[in-house]
Amino acid sequence: MPKGKHGPQIKDGALYDKLREEGASEEKAARIANARAAGTLDHRSTHLEDRTKDDLEDEAKTIGIDGRSEMDKDELIDAIRDH
């Protein structure tokens, strides 16, 4: 299916497209994208403080936080929570 043409059943189209480009199956990409959109996607840790700085930077990148590479761990946590 062409990028962005996945239909209304996919709740986070950008994440779905990214996962498909990375090689995820349609089913897996749809489950992950919809879980993220619903807020039910399990992270390696549910508490931001327990995640690594690299994980936090990846999360910040995914949600589009600018200046993340200059932030320390606490600043990343605040930025993710405020997004």
PDB file of N, CA and C in Angstrom:
ATOM      1  N   MET A   1       0.834  -1.171   0.000  1.00  0.00           N
ATOM      2  CA  MET A   1       0.000   0.000   0.000  1.00  0.00           C
ATOM      3  C   MET A   1       0.886   1.243   0.000  1.00  0.00           C
ATOM      4  N   PRO A   2       0.560   2.266  -0.776  1.00  0.00           N
ATOM      5  CA  PRO A   2       1.389   3.472  -0.818  1.00  0.00           C
ATOM      6  C   PRO A   2       1.451   4.164   0.533  1.00  0.00           C
ATOM      7  N   LYS A   3       2.561   4.828   0.772  1.00  0.00           N
ATOM      8  CA  LYS A   3       2.775   5.534   2.034  1.00  0.00           C
ATOM      9  C   LYS A   3       1.626   6.501   2.296  1.00  0.00           C
ATOM     10  N   GLY A   4       1.094   6.434   3.512  1.00  0.00           N
ATOM     11  CA  GLY A   4       0.018   7.328   3.896  1.00  0.00           C
ATOM     12  C   GLY A   4      -1.357   6.889   3.433  1.00  0.00           C
ATOM     13  N   LYS A   5      -1.481   5.770   2.745  1.00  0.00           N
ATOM     14  CA  LYS A   5      -2.762   5.297   2.220  1.00  0.00           C
ATOM     15  C   LYS A   5      -3.179   4.006   2.907  1.00  0.00           C
ATOM     16  N   HIS A   6      -3.151   3.994   4.232  1.00  0.00           N
ATOM     17  CA  HIS A   6      -3.417   2.771   4.962  1.00  0.00           C
ATOM     18  C   HIS A   6      -4.819   2.716   5.524  1.00  0.00           C
ATOM     19  N   GLY A   7      -5.577   3.764   5.414  1.00  0.00           N
ATOM     20  CA  GLY A   7      -6.961   3.755   5.848  1.00  0.00           C
ATOM     21  C   GLY A   7      -7.160   4.205   7.281  1.00  0.00           C
ATOM     22  N   PRO A   8      -8.416   4.412   7.651  1.00  0.00           N
ATOM     23  CA  PRO A   8      -8.742   4.959   8.972  1.00  0.00           C
ATOM     24  C   PRO A   8      -8.517   3.979  10.130  1.00  0.00           C
ATOM     25  N   GLN A   9      -8.335   2.704   9.822  1.00  0.00           N
ATOM     26  CA  GLN A   9      -8.116   1.741  10.905  1.00  0.00           C
ATOM     27  C   GLN A   9      -6.746   1.921  11.557  1.00  0.00           C
ATOM     28  N   ILE A  10      -5.813   2.594  10.890  1.00  0.00           N
ATOM     29  CA  ILE A  10      -4.489   2.874  11.447  1.00  0.00           C
ATOM     30  C   ILE A  10      -4.558   4.231  12.122  1.00  0.00           C
ATOM     31  N   LYS A  11      -4.316   4.255  13.436  1.00  0.00           N
ATOM     32  CA  LYS A  11      -4.497   5.481  14.219  1.00  0.00           C
ATOM     33  C   LYS A  11      -3.263   6.378  14.253  1.00  0.00           C
ATOM     34  N   ASP A  12      -2.074   5.834  14.004  1.00  0.00           N
ATOM     35  CA  ASP A  12      -0.839   6.629  13.955  1.00  0.00           C
ATOM     36  C   ASP A  12      -0.129   6.295  12.646  1.00  0.00           C
ATOM     37  N   GLY A  13      -0.538   6.976  11.598  1.00  0.00           N
ATOM     38  CA  GLY A  13      -0.050   6.679  10.258  1.00  0.00           C
ATOM     39  C   GLY A  13       1.445   6.854  10.086  1.00  0.00           C
ATOM     40  N   ALA A  14       2.011   7.875  10.713  1.00  0.00           N
ATOM     41  CA  ALA A  14       3.449   8.122  10.575  1.00  0.00           C
ATOM     42  C   ALA A  14       4.252   6.975  11.190  1.00  0.00           C
ATOM     43  N   LEU A  15       3.853   6.527  12.365  1.00  0.00           N
ATOM     44  CA  LEU A  15       4.550   5.413  13.007  1.00  0.00           C
ATOM     45  C   LEU A  15       4.364   4.135  12.196  1.00  0.00           C
ATOM     46  N   TYR A  16       3.162   3.897  11.698  1.00  0.00           N
ATOM     47  CA  TYR A  16       2.895   2.721  10.865  1.00  0.00           C
ATOM     48  C   TYR A  16       3.831   2.714   9.659  1.00  0.00           C
ATOM     49  N   ASP A  17       3.914   3.842   8.944  1.00  0.00           N
ATOM     50  CA  ASP A  17       4.789   3.929   7.772  1.00  0.00           C
ATOM     51  C   ASP A  17       6.245   3.676   8.133  1.00  0.00           C
ATOM     52  N   LYS A  18       6.694   4.239   9.253  1.00  0.00           N
ATOM     53  CA  LYS A  18       8.085   4.050   9.689  1.00  0.00           C
ATOM     54  C   LYS A  18       8.364   2.580   9.972  1.00  0.00           C
ATOM     55  N   LEU A  19       7.453   1.922  10.674  1.00  0.00           N
ATOM     56  CA  LEU A  19       7.638   0.513  10.998  1.00  0.00           C
ATOM     57  C   LEU A  19       7.643  -0.362   9.750  1.00  0.00           C
ATOM     58  N   ARG A  20       6.773  -0.043   8.805  1.00  0.00           N
ATOM     59  CA  ARG A  20       6.734  -0.810   7.543  1.00  0.00           C
ATOM     60  C   ARG A  20       8.043  -0.628   6.772  1.00  0.00           C
ATOM     61  N   GLU A  21       8.572   0.611   6.757  1.00  0.00           N
ATOM     62  CA  GLU A  21       9.847   0.867   6.077  1.00  0.00           C
ATOM     63  C   GLU A  21      10.984   0.097   6.729  1.00  0.00           C
ATOM     64  N   GLU A  22      10.874  -0.127   8.040  1.00  0.00           N
ATOM     65  CA  GLU A  22      11.890  -0.876   8.772  1.00  0.00           C
ATOM     66  C   GLU A  22      11.703  -2.385   8.643  1.00  0.00           C
ATOM     67  N   GLY A  23      10.650  -2.808   7.956  1.00  0.00           N
ATOM     68  CA  GLY A  23      10.463  -4.225   7.681  1.00  0.00           C
ATOM     69  C   GLY A  23       9.416  -4.937   8.506  1.00  0.00           C
ATOM     70  N   ALA A  24       8.678  -4.220   9.337  1.00  0.00           N
ATOM     71  CA  ALA A  24       7.626  -4.859  10.135  1.00  0.00           C
ATOM     72  C   ALA A  24       6.480  -5.283   9.222  1.00  0.00           C
ATOM     73  N   SER A  25       5.829  -6.372   9.590  1.00  0.00           N
ATOM     74  CA  SER A  25       4.661  -6.816   8.822  1.00  0.00           C
ATOM     75  C   SER A  25       3.540  -5.796   8.976  1.00  0.00           C
ATOM     76  N   GLU A  26       2.568  -5.859   8.073  1.00  0.00           N
ATOM     77  CA  GLU A  26       1.427  -4.944   8.176  1.00  0.00           C
ATOM     78  C   GLU A  26       0.712  -5.109   9.512  1.00  0.00           C
ATOM     79  N   GLU A  27       0.523  -6.361   9.920  1.00  0.00           N
ATOM     80  CA  GLU A  27      -0.182  -6.624  11.173  1.00  0.00           C
ATOM     81  C   GLU A  27       0.578  -6.067  12.376  1.00  0.00           C
ATOM     82  N   LYS A  28       1.887  -6.337  12.428  1.00  0.00           N
ATOM     83  CA  LYS A  28       2.682  -5.865  13.560  1.00  0.00           C
ATOM     84  C   LYS A  28       2.727  -4.334  13.591  1.00  0.00           C
ATOM     85  N   ALA A  29       2.947  -3.716  12.441  1.00  0.00           N
ATOM     86  CA  ALA A  29       3.006  -2.254  12.366  1.00  0.00           C
ATOM     87  C   ALA A  29       1.675  -1.643  12.806  1.00  0.00           C
ATOM     88  N   ALA A  30       0.569  -2.247  12.400  1.00  0.00           N
ATOM     89  CA  ALA A  30      -0.749  -1.734  12.769  1.00  0.00           C
ATOM     90  C   ALA A  30      -0.968  -1.855  14.278  1.00  0.00           C
ATOM     91  N   ARG A  31      -0.601  -3.007  14.855  1.00  0.00           N
ATOM     92  CA  ARG A  31      -0.787  -3.187  16.300  1.00  0.00           C
ATOM     93  C   ARG A  31       0.019  -2.177  17.096  1.00  0.00           C
ATOM     94  N   ILE A  32       1.283  -1.977  16.710  1.00  0.00           N
ATOM     95  CA  ILE A  32       2.141  -1.036  17.436  1.00  0.00           C
ATOM     96  C   ILE A  32       1.638   0.400  17.272  1.00  0.00           C
ATOM     97  N   ALA A  33       1.315   0.782  16.032  1.00  0.00           N
ATOM     98  CA  ALA A  33       0.850   2.147  15.773  1.00  0.00           C
ATOM     99  C   ALA A  33      -0.445   2.447  16.523  1.00  0.00           C
ATOM    100  N   ASN A  34      -1.360   1.499  16.538  1.00  0.00           N
ATOM    101  CA  ASN A  34      -2.626   1.717  17.223  1.00  0.00           C
ATOM    102  C   ASN A  34      -2.463   1.711  18.736  1.00  0.00           C
ATOM    103  N   ALA A  35      -1.569   0.880  19.240  1.00  0.00           N
ATOM    104  CA  ALA A  35      -1.308   0.865  20.685  1.00  0.00           C
ATOM    105  C   ALA A  35      -0.674   2.178  21.120  1.00  0.00           C
ATOM    106  N   ARG A  36       0.280   2.689  20.330  1.00  0.00           N
ATOM    107  CA  ARG A  36       0.898   3.974  20.669  1.00  0.00           C
ATOM    108  C   ARG A  36      -0.151   5.079  20.673  1.00  0.00           C
ATOM    109  N   ALA A  37      -1.017   5.087  19.667  1.00  0.00           N
ATOM    110  CA  ALA A  37      -2.042   6.125  19.574  1.00  0.00           C
ATOM    111  C   ALA A  37      -3.016   6.049  20.745  1.00  0.00           C
ATOM    112  N   ALA A  38      -3.291   4.836  21.223  1.00  0.00           N
ATOM    113  CA  ALA A  38      -4.218   4.647  22.339  1.00  0.00           C
ATOM    114  C   ALA A  38      -3.554   4.855  23.692  1.00  0.00           C
ATOM    115  N   GLY A  39      -2.229   4.985  23.688  1.00  0.00           N
ATOM    116  CA  GLY A  39      -1.504   5.163  24.941  1.00  0.00           C
ATOM    117  C   GLY A  39      -1.308   3.874  25.717  1.00  0.00           C
ATOM    118  N   THR A  40      -1.430   2.746  25.049  1.00  0.00           N
ATOM    119  CA  THR A  40      -1.293   1.464  25.733  1.00  0.00           C
ATOM    120  C   THR A  40      -0.029   0.710  25.342  1.00  0.00           C
ATOM    121  N   LEU A  41       0.846   1.356  24.593  1.00  0.00           N
ATOM    122  CA  LEU A  41       2.087   0.708  24.178  1.00  0.00           C
ATOM    123  C   LEU A  41       3.013   0.583  25.373  1.00  0.00           C
ATOM    124  N   ASP A  42       3.403  -0.633  25.687  1.00  0.00           N
ATOM    125  CA  ASP A  42       4.306  -0.864  26.809  1.00  0.00           C
ATOM    126  C   ASP A  42       5.717  -0.464  26.419  1.00  0.00           C
ATOM    127  N   HIS A  43       6.358   0.296  27.261  1.00  0.00           N
ATOM    128  CA  HIS A  43       7.766   0.635  27.081  1.00  0.00           C
ATOM    129  C   HIS A  43       8.579  -0.341  27.914  1.00  0.00           C
ATOM    130  N   ARG A  44       9.881  -0.346  27.701  1.00  0.00           N
ATOM    131  CA  ARG A  44      10.729  -1.202  28.539  1.00  0.00           C
ATOM    132  C   ARG A  44      10.534  -0.859  30.001  1.00  0.00           C
ATOM    133  N   SER A  45      10.197   0.377  30.257  1.00  0.00           N
ATOM    134  CA  SER A  45       9.881   0.803  31.616  1.00  0.00           C
ATOM    135  C   SER A  45       8.739   1.798  31.530  1.00  0.00           C
ATOM    136  N   THR A  46       7.822   1.703  32.431  1.00  0.00           N
ATOM    137  CA  THR A  46       6.703   2.632  32.411  1.00  0.00           C
ATOM    138  C   THR A  46       7.069   3.975  33.027  1.00  0.00           C
ATOM    139  N   HIS A  47       8.132   4.016  33.824  1.00  0.00           N
ATOM    140  CA  HIS A  47       8.578   5.258  34.443  1.00  0.00           C
ATOM    141  C   HIS A  47       9.724   5.841  33.632  1.00  0.00           C
ATOM    142  N   LEU A  48       9.565   7.078  33.207  1.00  0.00           N
ATOM    143  CA  LEU A  48      10.596   7.712  32.389  1.00  0.00           C
ATOM    144  C   LEU A  48      11.941   7.732  33.100  1.00  0.00           C
ATOM    145  N   GLU A  49      11.908   7.897  34.406  1.00  0.00           N
ATOM    146  CA  GLU A  49      13.154   7.960  35.171  1.00  0.00           C
ATOM    147  C   GLU A  49      13.956   6.652  35.093  1.00  0.00           C
ATOM    148  N   ASP A  50      13.275   5.537  34.833  1.00  0.00           N
ATOM    149  CA  ASP A  50      13.941   4.238  34.760  1.00  0.00           C
ATOM    150  C   ASP A  50      14.518   3.936  33.380  1.00  0.00           C
ATOM    151  N   ARG A  51      14.211   4.771  32.400  1.00  0.00           N
ATOM    152  CA  ARG A  51      14.693   4.541  31.041  1.00  0.00           C
ATOM    153  C   ARG A  51      16.062   5.181  30.850  1.00  0.00           C
ATOM    154  N   THR A  52      16.809   4.673  29.879  1.00  0.00           N
ATOM    155  CA  THR A  52      18.131   5.228  29.600  1.00  0.00           C
ATOM    156  C   THR A  52      17.995   6.559  28.862  1.00  0.00           C
ATOM    157  N   LYS A  53      19.054   7.344  28.894  1.00  0.00           N
ATOM    158  CA  LYS A  53      19.054   8.619  28.169  1.00  0.00           C
ATOM    159  C   LYS A  53      18.859   8.367  26.676  1.00  0.00           C
ATOM    160  N   ASP A  54      19.489   7.310  26.155  1.00  0.00           N
ATOM    161  CA  ASP A  54      19.317   6.978  24.730  1.00  0.00           C
ATOM    162  C   ASP A  54      17.862   6.666  24.407  1.00  0.00           C
ATOM    163  N   ASP A  55      17.184   5.908  25.272  1.00  0.00           N
ATOM    164  CA  ASP A  55      15.769   5.613  25.068  1.00  0.00           C
ATOM    165  C   ASP A  55      14.943   6.891  25.081  1.00  0.00           C
ATOM    166  N   LEU A  56      15.268   7.783  26.004  1.00  0.00           N
ATOM    167  CA  LEU A  56      14.540   9.048  26.097  1.00  0.00           C
ATOM    168  C   LEU A  56      14.778   9.910  24.856  1.00  0.00           C
ATOM    169  N   GLU A  57      16.002   9.920  24.352  1.00  0.00           N
ATOM    170  CA  GLU A  57      16.293  10.675  23.129  1.00  0.00           C
ATOM    171  C   GLU A  57      15.519  10.102  21.951  1.00  0.00           C
ATOM    172  N   ASP A  58      15.431   8.775  21.867  1.00  0.00           N
ATOM    173  CA  ASP A  58      14.651   8.145  20.795  1.00  0.00           C
ATOM    174  C   ASP A  58      13.177   8.522  20.891  1.00  0.00           C
ATOM    175  N   GLU A  59      12.642   8.504  22.101  1.00  0.00           N
ATOM    176  CA  GLU A  59      11.248   8.888  22.312  1.00  0.00           C
ATOM    177  C   GLU A  59      11.038  10.354  21.927  1.00  0.00           C
ATOM    178  N   ALA A  60      11.964  11.217  22.344  1.00  0.00           N
ATOM    179  CA  ALA A  60      11.865  12.638  22.011  1.00  0.00           C
ATOM    180  C   ALA A  60      11.916  12.855  20.500  1.00  0.00           C
ATOM    181  N   LYS A  61      12.740  12.092  19.826  1.00  0.00           N
ATOM    182  CA  LYS A  61      12.833  12.195  18.367  1.00  0.00           C
ATOM    183  C   LYS A  61      11.525  11.759  17.729  1.00  0.00           C
ATOM    184  N   THR A  62      10.962  10.652  18.209  1.00  0.00           N
ATOM    185  CA  THR A  62       9.718  10.129  17.661  1.00  0.00           C
ATOM    186  C   THR A  62       8.583  11.129  17.778  1.00  0.00           C
ATOM    187  N   ILE A  63       8.524  11.850  18.894  1.00  0.00           N
ATOM    188  CA  ILE A  63       7.421  12.791  19.079  1.00  0.00           C
ATOM    189  C   ILE A  63       7.766  14.209  18.630  1.00  0.00           C
ATOM    190  N   GLY A  64       8.989  14.400  18.114  1.00  0.00           N
ATOM    191  CA  GLY A  64       9.340  15.672  17.485  1.00  0.00           C
ATOM    192  C   GLY A  64       9.805  16.774  18.397  1.00  0.00           C
ATOM    193  N   ILE A  65      10.532  16.450  19.439  1.00  0.00           N
ATOM    194  CA  ILE A  65      11.044  17.467  20.359  1.00  0.00           C
ATOM    195  C   ILE A  65      12.365  18.006  19.820  1.00  0.00           C
ATOM    196  N   ASP A  66      12.403  19.301  19.589  1.00  0.00           N
ATOM    197  CA  ASP A  66      13.625  19.950  19.092  1.00  0.00           C
ATOM    198  C   ASP A  66      14.613  20.164  20.229  1.00  0.00           C
ATOM    199  N   GLY A  67      15.910  20.146  19.912  1.00  0.00           N
ATOM    200  CA  GLY A  67      16.953  20.423  20.880  1.00  0.00           C
ATOM    201  C   GLY A  67      17.256  19.273  21.814  1.00  0.00           C
ATOM    202  N   ARG A  68      16.741  18.096  21.497  1.00  0.00           N
ATOM    203  CA  ARG A  68      16.886  16.946  22.394  1.00  0.00           C
ATOM    204  C   ARG A  68      18.326  16.508  22.591  1.00  0.00           C
ATOM    205  N   SER A  69      19.167  16.705  21.571  1.00  0.00           N
ATOM    206  CA  SER A  69      20.559  16.253  21.690  1.00  0.00           C
ATOM    207  C   SER A  69      21.349  17.081  22.690  1.00  0.00           C
ATOM    208  N   GLU A  70      20.862  18.272  23.000  1.00  0.00           N
ATOM    209  CA  GLU A  70      21.538  19.142  23.959  1.00  0.00           C
ATOM    210  C   GLU A  70      20.994  18.980  25.380  1.00  0.00           C
ATOM    211  N   MET A  71      19.948  18.179  25.531  1.00  0.00           N
ATOM    212  CA  MET A  71      19.296  18.042  26.833  1.00  0.00           C
ATOM    213  C   MET A  71      19.933  16.942  27.667  1.00  0.00           C
ATOM    214  N   ASP A  72      19.916  17.148  28.978  1.00  0.00           N
ATOM    215  CA  ASP A  72      20.328  16.054  29.865  1.00  0.00           C
ATOM    216  C   ASP A  72      19.090  15.188  30.135  1.00  0.00           C
ATOM    217  N   LYS A  73      19.267  14.132  30.892  1.00  0.00           N
ATOM    218  CA  LYS A  73      18.188  13.171  31.115  1.00  0.00           C
ATOM    219  C   LYS A  73      16.960  13.827  31.756  1.00  0.00           C
ATOM    220  N   ASP A  74      17.155  14.642  32.763  1.00  0.00           N
ATOM    221  CA  ASP A  74      16.027  15.293  33.429  1.00  0.00           C
ATOM    222  C   ASP A  74      15.277  16.233  32.493  1.00  0.00           C
ATOM    223  N   GLU A  75      16.015  16.946  31.651  1.00  0.00           N
ATOM    224  CA  GLU A  75      15.373  17.841  30.687  1.00  0.00           C
ATOM    225  C   GLU A  75      14.569  17.049  29.659  1.00  0.00           C
ATOM    226  N   LEU A  76      15.112  15.908  29.234  1.00  0.00           N
ATOM    227  CA  LEU A  76      14.371  15.051  28.300  1.00  0.00           C
ATOM    228  C   LEU A  76      13.065  14.570  28.913  1.00  0.00           C
ATOM    229  N   ILE A  77      13.136  14.140  30.161  1.00  0.00           N
ATOM    230  CA  ILE A  77      11.939  13.659  30.865  1.00  0.00           C
ATOM    231  C   ILE A  77      10.880  14.769  30.920  1.00  0.00           C
ATOM    232  N   ASP A  78      11.295  15.978  31.292  1.00  0.00           N
ATOM    233  CA  ASP A  78      10.369  17.107  31.362  1.00  0.00           C
ATOM    234  C   ASP A  78       9.768  17.416  29.997  1.00  0.00           C
ATOM    235  N   ALA A  79      10.607  17.400  28.959  1.00  0.00           N
ATOM    236  CA  ALA A  79      10.131  17.720  27.614  1.00  0.00           C
ATOM    237  C   ALA A  79       9.128  16.676  27.125  1.00  0.00           C
ATOM    238  N   ILE A  80       9.404  15.395  27.397  1.00  0.00           N
ATOM    239  CA  ILE A  80       8.470  14.334  26.988  1.00  0.00           C
ATOM    240  C   ILE A  80       7.145  14.464  27.726  1.00  0.00           C
ATOM    241  N   ARG A  81       7.211  14.725  28.999  1.00  0.00           N
ATOM    242  CA  ARG A  81       5.975  14.872  29.791  1.00  0.00           C
ATOM    243  C   ARG A  81       5.169  16.095  29.360  1.00  0.00           C
ATOM    244  N   ASP A  82       5.854  17.157  28.973  1.00  0.00           N
ATOM    245  CA  ASP A  82       5.149  18.387  28.578  1.00  0.00           C
ATOM    246  C   ASP A  82       4.648  18.361  27.146  1.00  0.00           C
ATOM    247  N   HIS A  83       5.050  17.373  26.383  1.00  0.00           N
ATOM    248  CA  HIS A  83       4.664  17.318  24.961  1.00  0.00           C
ATOM    249  C   HIS A  83       3.230  16.966  24.785  1.00  0.00           C
TER     250      HIS A  83
END
